[in-house]
Amino acid sequence: MIYNINEKGYYGDFGGAYIPEMLYPNVEELRQNYLKIMAEPSFQEEFNALLKDYVGRPSPLYFAKRLSAKYNTKIYLKREDLNHTGAHKINNTIGQILMAKRLGKHRVIAETGAGQHGVATATVCALMGIECIVYMGEIDIARQAPNVARMKMLGAKVVPALSGSRTLKDATNEAIRDWINNPIDTHYIIGSVVGPHPYPDMVARFQAVVSEEIQWQLKEKEGTNKPDYVVACVGGGSNAAGAFYHYLEDTDVKLIAVEAAGKGIHSGESAATSVLGKEGIIHGSKTLLMQTKDGQITEPYSISAGLDYPGVGPMHAHLYTSGRAQFMSITDDEAMTAGLELSQLEGIIPAIETSHSLAIFNEKKFKPTDIVVINLSGRGDKDLQNYIDYFKL
């Protein structure tokens, strides 16, 4: 079976570009040009130089000795938290700002939930001197105040989304409206492997640097470029897409995607799309989506602002339905406990998104010889208030 995207923009049954006619020119311009631009030697040179000298790549692959001893298996952490801005998001925004420049765009818009993508977008816009507008749900603005301040310091305008659940999907809706109204001079930097084709593929390619590095780093440390398992949390799924990318067609490497079960999968307050989702269309692509019987999108919930998305990227929908990836669902309580455990065993405070991935060791047993690589997608600075409130620190 093929797990990569096909020439029509689908992963199996999922993907495509389900967009209003007014957006067609924007998306089509990108679709016709993105692979050509990414293949240009000058693009590759500039992209790689910025990843090295600005972002600080390669990010380390760290053997978590005490965590490994506790769970009796070999656990490696891919340290995306050490990137400039504190998460994997910067890999994609660097790529997309270079794309926007080559397409002649002078204005950038973005959506953000946890704020990390907003910060990463504001960062690259400041770097390139391009106007930046970030749409963010009113509720997320309140719970991610430090990131909002960072975006403003970087010169971005942060616009609250006041409709619906006032979280990520509503911010995305507002960004799409803006793009329809400003088709000529504006590039929309989508922060995850969601949206109409070519976005899921383009974002996955920019994030693929993660698995590219894992291959040679693991070879240095273990004598093999293949881990037994690659684990990553999934909201929309860009960090997982990056960590899985070079292993998609290699079925010797097992993939584990970890979703947010919130207060319990069937509690009515969850974001476990793989379990609760049905085929549907959201933000321009066909995917698995949490919805009512008559197709209305249901409100997701997670303690993590970055995982409460009602759908999942089409790549992940295909990985789930094909059985290529195992999907696990972790509750708020399990994630918070795992985040504290990593902090106290390894001296690394993870983002709450990543904490979901770290919680799987109580659910799934691994062999002592297994090599388990976890994509540590972000650092916990942005979540300190959540940790403080939860643990009464």
Protein backbone atom coordinates (compact mmCIF):
# COMPACT_ATOMS: atom_id res chain seq x y z
CA MET A 1 0.00 0.00 0.00
CA ILE A 2 1.10 3.59 -0.67
CA TYR A 3 1.12 5.90 2.35
CA ASN A 4 2.42 9.02 0.63
CA ILE A 5 0.22 11.44 -1.28
CA ASN A 6 -0.85 10.63 -4.86
CA GLU A 7 -0.77 12.97 -7.85
CA LYS A 8 -4.38 14.04 -7.23
CA GLY A 9 -3.64 15.21 -3.70
CA TYR A 10 -5.08 12.22 -1.83
CA TYR A 11 -3.77 9.85 0.82
CA GLY A 12 -5.93 6.83 0.04
CA ASP A 13 -9.50 8.14 0.34
CA PHE A 14 -8.51 11.33 2.17
CA GLY A 15 -7.31 14.75 1.09
CA GLY A 16 -8.22 16.73 -2.00
CA ALA A 17 -9.13 20.40 -2.25
CA TYR A 18 -12.74 21.12 -1.29
CA ILE A 19 -12.72 24.87 -1.53
CA PRO A 20 -15.02 27.74 -2.50
CA GLU A 21 -14.54 28.93 -6.07
CA MET A 22 -13.13 32.23 -4.80
CA LEU A 23 -10.18 30.39 -3.22
CA TYR A 24 -9.38 28.34 -6.30
CA PRO A 25 -6.82 30.78 -7.82
CA ASN A 26 -4.87 31.02 -4.54
CA VAL A 27 -4.69 27.27 -3.99
CA GLU A 28 -4.05 26.48 -7.65
CA GLU A 29 -1.14 28.95 -7.82
CA LEU A 30 0.43 27.17 -4.87
CA ARG A 31 -0.29 23.68 -6.23
CA GLN A 32 1.32 24.45 -9.58
CA ASN A 33 4.44 25.96 -8.06
CA TYR A 34 5.26 24.42 -4.68
CA LEU A 35 7.24 21.37 -5.85
CA LYS A 36 9.12 23.35 -8.51
CA ILE A 37 10.07 26.06 -6.01
CA MET A 38 11.09 23.54 -3.33
CA ALA A 39 13.34 21.75 -5.84
CA GLU A 40 15.23 24.92 -6.80
CA PRO A 41 18.85 24.76 -5.56
CA SER A 42 18.63 28.39 -4.35
CA PHE A 43 15.52 27.54 -2.29
CA GLN A 44 17.14 24.46 -0.78
CA GLU A 45 20.28 26.41 0.02
CA GLU A 46 18.41 29.24 1.76
CA PHE A 47 16.05 26.86 3.60
CA ASN A 48 18.87 24.66 4.90
CA ALA A 49 21.03 27.63 5.90
CA LEU A 50 18.18 29.11 7.96
CA LEU A 51 17.40 25.75 9.57
CA LYS A 52 21.05 25.49 10.60
CA ASP A 53 21.96 29.04 11.61
CA TYR A 54 18.61 30.50 12.66
CA VAL A 55 16.57 27.56 13.95
CA GLY A 56 19.58 25.69 15.38
CA ARG A 57 19.18 22.37 13.57
CA PRO A 58 19.91 19.54 13.72
CA SER A 59 17.97 19.12 16.94
CA PRO A 60 19.55 16.47 19.21
CA LEU A 61 18.34 12.88 19.45
CA TYR A 62 18.64 12.33 23.19
CA PHE A 63 18.73 8.95 24.95
CA ALA A 64 16.47 9.36 27.99
CA LYS A 65 18.40 7.15 30.37
CA ARG A 66 16.24 7.40 33.50
CA LEU A 67 12.95 7.24 31.59
CA SER A 68 14.25 4.20 29.70
CA ALA A 69 15.25 2.50 32.95
CA LYS A 70 11.81 3.09 34.44
CA TYR A 71 9.95 1.55 31.49
CA ASN A 72 12.61 -1.05 30.60
CA THR A 73 13.01 -0.06 26.97
CA LYS A 74 15.24 2.29 24.93
CA ILE A 75 13.59 5.70 24.73
CA TYR A 76 15.05 8.42 22.53
CA LEU A 77 13.65 11.96 22.47
CA LYS A 78 13.88 13.99 19.27
CA ARG A 79 14.44 17.41 20.80
CA GLU A 80 12.28 19.73 18.67
CA ASP A 81 11.74 21.71 21.88
CA LEU A 82 15.29 23.05 21.44
CA ASN A 83 14.48 24.77 18.14
CA HIS A 84 14.30 28.57 18.05
CA THR A 85 10.77 29.50 19.25
CA GLY A 86 10.48 26.23 21.20
CA ALA A 87 8.72 23.79 18.86
CA HIS A 88 8.74 22.03 15.50
CA LYS A 89 6.46 24.70 13.98
CA ILE A 90 9.40 26.88 12.87
CA ASN A 91 10.55 24.24 10.31
CA ASN A 92 7.39 24.76 8.30
CA THR A 93 7.11 28.54 8.68
CA ILE A 94 10.69 29.02 7.43
CA GLY A 95 9.80 26.95 4.37
CA GLN A 96 6.51 28.73 3.74
CA ILE A 97 7.87 32.27 4.14
CA LEU A 98 10.50 31.45 1.50
CA MET A 99 7.68 30.08 -0.67
CA ALA A 100 5.62 33.26 -0.14
CA LYS A 101 8.57 35.45 -1.14
CA ARG A 102 9.12 33.50 -4.34
CA LEU A 103 5.40 33.81 -5.16
CA GLY A 104 5.64 37.58 -4.71
CA LYS A 105 3.39 37.85 -1.64
CA HIS A 106 3.68 40.87 0.69
CA ARG A 107 1.30 39.88 3.46
CA VAL A 108 1.02 36.69 5.53
CA ILE A 109 -1.90 35.34 7.53
CA ALA A 110 -1.98 32.36 9.89
CA GLU A 111 -4.19 30.57 12.37
CA THR A 112 -2.98 29.31 15.72
CA GLY A 113 -4.30 27.30 18.67
CA ALA A 114 -1.54 26.78 21.22
CA GLY A 115 0.16 29.87 19.84
CA GLN A 116 3.37 28.09 18.79
CA HIS A 117 2.53 28.29 15.10
CA GLY A 118 1.51 31.93 15.52
CA VAL A 119 4.83 32.70 17.20
CA ALA A 120 6.73 30.80 14.51
CA THR A 121 4.86 32.69 11.76
CA ALA A 122 5.37 36.06 13.45
CA THR A 123 9.05 35.18 13.83
CA VAL A 124 9.69 34.47 10.15
CA CYS A 125 7.63 37.51 9.09
CA ALA A 126 9.83 39.68 11.32
CA LEU A 127 12.89 37.97 9.83
CA MET A 128 11.74 38.76 6.29
CA GLY A 129 10.03 42.11 6.92
CA ILE A 130 6.58 40.91 5.85
CA GLU A 131 3.25 42.03 7.35
CA CYS A 132 1.74 39.35 9.62
CA ILE A 133 -1.83 38.82 10.84
CA VAL A 134 -2.54 35.88 13.18
CA TYR A 135 -6.07 34.63 13.90
CA MET A 136 -6.53 32.98 17.28
CA GLY A 137 -9.60 31.83 19.19
CA GLU A 138 -10.60 34.10 22.06
CA ILE A 139 -10.36 31.20 24.53
CA ASP A 140 -6.87 30.26 23.29
CA ILE A 141 -5.76 33.90 23.58
CA ALA A 142 -6.66 33.75 27.28
CA ARG A 143 -4.96 30.43 27.99
CA GLN A 144 -1.84 31.09 25.94
CA ALA A 145 -1.17 34.69 27.00
CA PRO A 146 2.66 34.46 26.89
CA ASN A 147 2.57 33.39 23.25
CA VAL A 148 0.17 36.22 22.39
CA ALA A 149 2.64 38.68 23.94
CA ARG A 150 5.48 37.13 21.94
CA MET A 151 3.55 37.49 18.68
CA LYS A 152 2.85 41.16 19.41
CA MET A 153 6.49 41.79 20.32
CA LEU A 154 7.46 40.28 16.98
CA GLY A 155 5.23 42.80 15.22
CA ALA A 156 2.25 40.59 14.37
CA LYS A 157 -1.37 41.70 14.67
CA VAL A 158 -3.35 39.12 16.69
CA VAL A 159 -7.04 38.99 15.76
CA PRO A 160 -9.42 37.13 18.10
CA ALA A 161 -11.90 34.63 16.62
CA LEU A 162 -15.17 35.25 18.47
CA SER A 163 -17.43 32.68 16.78
CA GLY A 164 -18.19 29.03 17.58
CA SER A 165 -16.04 27.47 20.30
CA ARG A 166 -13.57 30.38 19.93
CA THR A 167 -10.67 27.94 19.50
CA LEU A 168 -8.51 26.63 16.64
CA LYS A 169 -11.15 25.65 14.09
CA ASP A 170 -12.78 29.08 14.41
CA ALA A 171 -9.42 30.83 14.00
CA THR A 172 -8.93 28.77 10.83
CA ASN A 173 -12.35 29.83 9.54
CA GLU A 174 -11.43 33.50 10.07
CA ALA A 175 -8.09 33.07 8.31
CA ILE A 176 -9.80 31.46 5.30
CA ARG A 177 -12.26 34.40 5.13
CA ASP A 178 -9.35 36.83 5.11
CA TRP A 179 -7.64 34.89 2.31
CA ILE A 180 -10.78 34.99 0.17
CA ASN A 181 -10.86 38.77 0.61
CA ASN A 182 -7.15 39.26 -0.12
CA PRO A 183 -6.29 36.75 -2.85
CA ILE A 184 -3.53 38.59 -4.72
CA ASP A 185 -0.96 39.76 -2.17
CA THR A 186 -1.54 37.33 0.72
CA HIS A 187 -0.06 33.93 1.54
CA TYR A 188 -1.81 31.79 4.13
CA ILE A 189 0.72 29.86 6.23
CA ILE A 190 -1.23 26.85 7.48
CA GLY A 191 0.47 25.41 10.53
CA SER A 192 -0.42 21.75 10.26
CA VAL A 193 -0.92 18.96 7.72
CA VAL A 194 -4.51 20.08 7.18
CA GLY A 195 -6.31 22.21 4.62
CA PRO A 196 -6.71 21.79 0.86
CA HIS A 197 -4.05 20.12 -1.27
CA PRO A 198 -1.16 21.01 -1.56
CA TYR A 199 -0.94 22.13 2.09
CA PRO A 200 -0.87 18.71 3.82
CA ASP A 201 1.92 17.56 1.51
CA MET A 202 3.86 20.84 1.56
CA VAL A 203 3.82 21.07 5.36
CA ALA A 204 4.80 17.38 5.68
CA ARG A 205 7.75 17.94 3.33
CA PHE A 206 8.99 20.93 5.35
CA GLN A 207 8.65 18.92 8.57
CA ALA A 208 10.31 15.85 7.03
CA VAL A 209 13.66 17.23 8.21
CA VAL A 210 12.73 15.64 11.58
CA SER A 211 12.73 12.03 10.34
CA GLU A 212 15.61 12.75 7.98
CA GLU A 213 17.74 13.66 11.02
CA ILE A 214 16.42 10.76 13.12
CA GLN A 215 17.73 8.33 10.48
CA TRP A 216 21.38 9.41 10.59
CA GLN A 217 21.36 10.27 14.31
CA LEU A 218 20.05 6.81 15.23
CA LYS A 219 22.61 5.21 12.91
CA GLU A 220 25.36 6.99 14.89
CA LYS A 221 23.93 5.89 18.26
CA GLU A 222 22.50 2.42 17.60
CA GLY A 223 24.07 1.32 14.33
CA THR A 224 20.69 1.28 12.58
CA ASN A 225 18.66 4.06 10.99
CA LYS A 226 15.41 2.27 11.83
CA PRO A 227 13.79 2.58 15.24
CA ASP A 228 11.23 -0.07 16.21
CA TYR A 229 8.68 2.65 16.98
CA VAL A 230 8.23 6.33 16.17
CA VAL A 231 5.77 8.08 18.48
CA ALA A 232 4.22 11.54 18.11
CA CYS A 233 1.17 13.40 19.32
CA VAL A 234 -1.50 14.35 16.79
CA GLY A 235 -3.85 17.29 16.71
CA GLY A 236 -3.76 18.29 13.06
CA GLY A 237 -0.57 16.26 12.94
CA SER A 238 2.42 18.18 11.54
CA ASN A 239 4.98 17.02 14.09
CA ALA A 240 3.84 13.43 13.58
CA ALA A 241 3.96 13.83 9.79
CA GLY A 242 7.55 15.07 10.07
CA ALA A 243 8.63 12.28 12.41
CA PHE A 244 6.91 9.58 10.34
CA TYR A 245 7.75 10.92 6.85
CA HIS A 246 10.86 8.93 5.92
CA TYR A 247 9.42 5.78 7.50
CA LEU A 248 5.96 5.85 5.91
CA GLU A 249 6.69 3.10 3.38
CA ASP A 250 8.99 1.12 5.70
CA THR A 251 6.62 -1.18 7.57
CA ASP A 252 9.46 -2.53 9.75
CA VAL A 253 9.11 0.75 11.65
CA LYS A 254 5.89 0.91 13.65
CA LEU A 255 4.17 4.28 13.93
CA ILE A 256 2.18 5.41 16.98
CA ALA A 257 0.02 8.53 16.84
CA VAL A 258 -1.24 9.82 20.18
CA GLU A 259 -4.45 11.82 20.41
CA ALA A 260 -6.06 13.76 23.24
CA ALA A 261 -8.85 11.85 25.00
CA GLY A 262 -9.53 14.93 27.14
CA LYS A 263 -11.73 13.93 30.06
CA GLY A 264 -12.31 10.49 28.54
CA ILE A 265 -12.94 9.28 24.99
CA HIS A 266 -16.70 9.05 25.44
CA SER A 267 -17.06 11.85 28.01
CA GLY A 268 -18.26 14.37 25.44
CA GLU A 269 -15.08 16.34 26.19
CA SER A 270 -12.45 14.78 23.98
CA ALA A 271 -10.44 15.26 20.79
CA ALA A 272 -9.89 11.58 19.93
CA THR A 273 -10.72 11.90 16.23
CA SER A 274 -9.63 8.39 15.23
CA VAL A 275 -12.17 6.82 17.62
CA LEU A 276 -14.95 9.40 17.35
CA GLY A 277 -14.49 10.69 13.82
CA LYS A 278 -16.33 9.86 10.61
CA GLU A 279 -15.47 10.85 7.06
CA GLY A 280 -16.21 14.50 6.45
CA ILE A 281 -14.82 17.72 5.04
CA ILE A 282 -13.17 20.42 7.12
CA HIS A 283 -11.06 23.38 6.04
CA GLY A 284 -10.77 22.17 2.47
CA SER A 285 -9.96 18.49 2.77
CA LYS A 286 -11.75 15.19 3.21
CA THR A 287 -10.65 13.50 6.41
CA LEU A 288 -11.85 11.96 9.67
CA LEU A 289 -13.86 14.49 11.59
CA MET A 290 -15.80 14.58 14.86
CA GLN A 291 -19.38 15.37 13.87
CA THR A 292 -23.01 14.82 14.76
CA LYS A 293 -25.25 12.38 12.84
CA ASP A 294 -26.37 15.23 10.57
CA GLY A 295 -22.80 16.34 9.85
CA GLN A 296 -22.41 19.28 12.22
CA ILE A 297 -18.86 19.52 13.58
CA THR A 298 -18.75 18.72 17.30
CA GLU A 299 -16.62 20.75 19.68
CA PRO A 300 -13.35 19.06 20.61
CA TYR A 301 -11.76 19.43 24.02
CA SER A 302 -8.26 18.91 25.41
CA ILE A 303 -6.27 20.51 28.21
CA SER A 304 -3.71 21.07 25.45
CA ALA A 305 -4.58 24.00 23.21
CA GLY A 306 -2.67 22.43 20.32
CA LEU A 307 -4.59 19.12 20.25
CA ASP A 308 -8.22 20.26 20.47
CA TYR A 309 -8.91 20.11 16.74
CA PRO A 310 -12.06 18.23 15.63
CA GLY A 311 -10.34 16.54 12.70
CA VAL A 312 -6.96 15.13 11.79
CA GLY A 313 -4.79 15.66 8.71
CA PRO A 314 -5.64 13.44 5.72
CA MET A 315 -2.27 11.65 5.95
CA HIS A 316 -3.16 10.53 9.47
CA ALA A 317 -6.71 9.59 8.53
CA HIS A 318 -5.19 7.25 5.93
CA LEU A 319 -2.56 5.90 8.35
CA TYR A 320 -5.36 5.09 10.80
CA THR A 321 -7.87 3.50 8.40
CA SER A 322 -5.16 1.50 6.61
CA GLY A 323 -3.76 0.25 9.92
CA ARG A 324 -0.28 1.61 9.12
CA ALA A 325 -0.23 3.59 12.37
CA GLN A 326 -1.56 2.63 15.77
CA PHE A 327 -3.62 5.42 17.30
CA MET A 328 -3.75 5.80 21.07
CA SER A 329 -5.85 8.20 23.12
CA ILE A 330 -4.52 9.77 26.32
CA THR A 331 -6.55 11.72 28.89
CA ASP A 332 -5.69 15.12 30.39
CA ASP A 333 -4.76 13.50 33.68
CA GLU A 334 -2.49 10.90 32.07
CA ALA A 335 -0.75 13.57 29.98
CA MET A 336 -0.17 15.96 32.86
CA THR A 337 1.27 13.17 35.02
CA ALA A 338 3.61 12.13 32.19
CA GLY A 339 4.77 15.73 31.69
CA LEU A 340 5.67 16.01 35.36
CA GLU A 341 7.42 12.63 35.22
CA LEU A 342 9.68 13.68 32.32
CA SER A 343 10.47 16.92 34.13
CA GLN A 344 11.56 15.07 37.25
CA LEU A 345 13.31 12.13 35.60
CA GLU A 346 15.14 13.94 32.79
CA GLY A 347 15.08 17.66 33.65
CA ILE A 348 13.02 18.44 30.53
CA ILE A 349 9.66 20.22 30.88
CA PRO A 350 7.64 19.23 27.79
CA ALA A 351 4.74 20.98 26.11
CA ILE A 352 1.44 19.41 27.18
CA GLU A 353 0.95 18.24 23.58
CA THR A 354 4.13 16.16 23.84
CA SER A 355 3.16 14.94 27.32
CA HIS A 356 0.38 12.94 25.66
CA SER A 357 3.02 10.94 23.74
CA LEU A 358 5.03 10.34 26.90
CA ALA A 359 1.99 8.85 28.64
CA ILE A 360 1.78 5.76 26.41
CA PHE A 361 4.25 3.75 28.48
CA ASN A 362 1.58 3.03 31.08
CA GLU A 363 -0.75 1.78 28.32
CA LYS A 364 1.61 -0.18 26.09
CA LYS A 365 4.52 -2.41 27.01
CA PHE A 366 7.71 -2.40 24.93
CA LYS A 367 10.52 -4.95 24.82
CA PRO A 368 13.84 -4.07 26.53
CA THR A 369 15.55 -4.15 23.12
CA ASP A 370 12.97 -1.92 21.40
CA ILE A 371 14.16 1.47 20.20
CA VAL A 372 11.33 3.94 20.74
CA VAL A 373 11.78 7.44 19.32
CA ILE A 374 9.38 10.06 20.67
CA ASN A 375 9.12 13.37 18.87
CA LEU A 376 9.40 15.89 21.69
CA SER A 377 7.56 18.49 19.66
CA GLY A 378 7.66 21.47 22.01
CA ARG A 379 8.87 22.83 25.32
CA GLY A 380 6.62 23.50 28.27
CA ASP A 381 7.31 27.20 28.84
CA LYS A 382 4.03 28.15 27.16
CA ASP A 383 2.13 25.70 29.39
CA LEU A 384 3.60 26.65 32.76
CA GLN A 385 0.36 28.27 33.92
CA ASN A 386 -1.56 25.08 33.06
CA TYR A 387 0.98 23.00 34.98
CA ILE A 388 0.84 25.45 37.91
CA ASP A 389 -2.96 25.32 38.04
CA TYR A 390 -3.13 21.54 37.63
CA PHE A 391 -0.49 20.57 40.19
CA LYS A 392 -1.07 23.57 42.50
CA LEU A 393 2.64 24.39 42.19
